[in-house]
Structures are given as C-alpha cells and as structure tokens.
Amino acid sequence: MFLEIENQLLPVPLLNPYWAKRLAGGFKVAAVRRHLEFEQIQACQGLDPDFDLEKLWHFTDQKELVGKRDGK
C-alpha cells in the first residue's frame, strides 16, 4: 500500500515475508497485526512525526472502510 504523507509516497507493506512466515508457523493473527501496525507507524512517523495508530487505521481498518461505503 502507498500512503501520501507530506507530499511524498511512502510504501507501507500490509504483510511482509517475516510476518507471513510467523503466521504460517502458528503465531496469533492479532499479535502479527499489532507488530505490523507498530512497524507501519514507525515508517510513517519518519515523514510525519504526528502520525499515530488512528491515522493508520483510517487507511487499513476494513470495518471502517465498509462503514464509509454505507455497508456495501
């Protein structure tokens, strides 16, 4: 996924090979999600120090995206 932050496109992986292997090895999905969120926020904060979890969820939380599309 690419996010535009401070007029720059930043690649933010939704899943990377390391965490994919951990999932395949039985690591809990919720734990992997939290680790990925931490890594994604760190990458975004490199361009915008005020970037936080709520801003990340705006782009990645599927439930929120469905709500914005009137449940469709």
Protein backbone atom coordinates (compact mmCIF):
# COMPACT_ATOMS: atom_id res chain seq x y z
CA MET A 1 0.00 0.00 0.00
CA PHE A 2 1.23 3.52 -0.72
CA LEU A 3 0.35 6.42 1.56
CA GLU A 4 0.88 10.04 0.62
CA ILE A 5 2.41 11.79 3.61
CA GLU A 6 3.85 15.30 3.43
CA ASN A 7 3.52 15.17 -0.38
CA GLN A 8 5.63 12.00 -0.57
CA LEU A 9 4.51 8.49 -1.47
CA LEU A 10 5.54 6.01 1.20
CA PRO A 11 5.31 2.25 0.60
CA VAL A 12 3.73 0.65 3.68
CA PRO A 13 3.60 -3.16 3.45
CA LEU A 14 0.41 -4.73 4.77
CA LEU A 15 2.29 -8.02 5.27
CA ASN A 16 5.95 -8.85 4.82
CA PRO A 17 7.73 -12.20 4.40
CA TYR A 18 8.89 -12.32 8.03
CA TRP A 19 5.40 -11.96 9.47
CA ALA A 20 3.89 -14.22 6.80
CA LYS A 21 6.23 -16.99 7.99
CA ARG A 22 5.28 -16.32 11.60
CA LEU A 23 1.59 -16.63 10.70
CA ALA A 24 2.25 -19.87 8.84
CA GLY A 25 4.12 -21.13 11.91
CA GLY A 26 1.10 -20.60 14.14
CA PHE A 27 1.75 -17.12 15.54
CA LYS A 28 -1.53 -15.47 16.51
CA VAL A 29 -3.10 -13.20 13.89
CA ALA A 30 -3.81 -10.45 16.44
CA ALA A 31 -0.17 -10.45 17.57
CA VAL A 32 1.10 -10.22 13.99
CA ARG A 33 -1.32 -7.38 13.29
CA ARG A 34 -0.01 -5.42 16.30
CA HIS A 35 3.62 -5.93 15.27
CA LEU A 36 2.85 -4.86 11.70
CA GLU A 37 0.98 -1.78 12.94
CA PHE A 38 3.99 -0.80 15.03
CA GLU A 39 6.32 -1.17 12.02
CA GLN A 40 3.90 0.72 9.75
CA ILE A 41 3.55 3.60 12.22
CA GLN A 42 7.32 3.86 12.61
CA ALA A 43 7.73 4.11 8.83
CA CYS A 44 5.05 6.81 8.58
CA GLN A 45 6.46 8.78 11.50
CA GLY A 46 9.68 9.13 9.53
CA LEU A 47 7.78 11.59 7.33
CA ASP A 48 5.13 12.83 9.78
CA PRO A 49 6.06 12.73 13.49
CA ASP A 50 2.37 13.18 14.39
CA PHE A 51 1.29 10.03 12.54
CA ASP A 52 -0.45 7.71 15.00
CA LEU A 53 -2.44 4.50 15.19
CA GLU A 54 -5.72 6.24 14.49
CA LYS A 55 -4.37 7.68 11.25
CA LEU A 56 -3.06 4.24 10.26
CA TRP A 57 -6.43 2.63 10.97
CA HIS A 58 -8.06 5.21 8.74
CA PHE A 59 -6.24 3.55 5.82
CA THR A 60 -6.08 -0.09 6.93
CA ASP A 61 -9.16 -0.90 9.07
CA GLN A 62 -11.50 -2.78 6.75
CA LYS A 63 -14.51 -2.30 9.07
CA GLU A 64 -14.07 1.46 8.89
CA LEU A 65 -13.78 1.35 5.10
CA VAL A 66 -17.03 -0.60 4.81
CA GLY A 67 -18.79 1.93 7.02
CA LYS A 68 -17.66 4.73 4.77
CA ARG A 69 -19.20 2.93 1.80
CA ASP A 70 -22.60 2.62 3.51
CA GLY A 71 -22.01 -1.05 4.33
CA LYS A 72 -21.52 -2.10 0.71
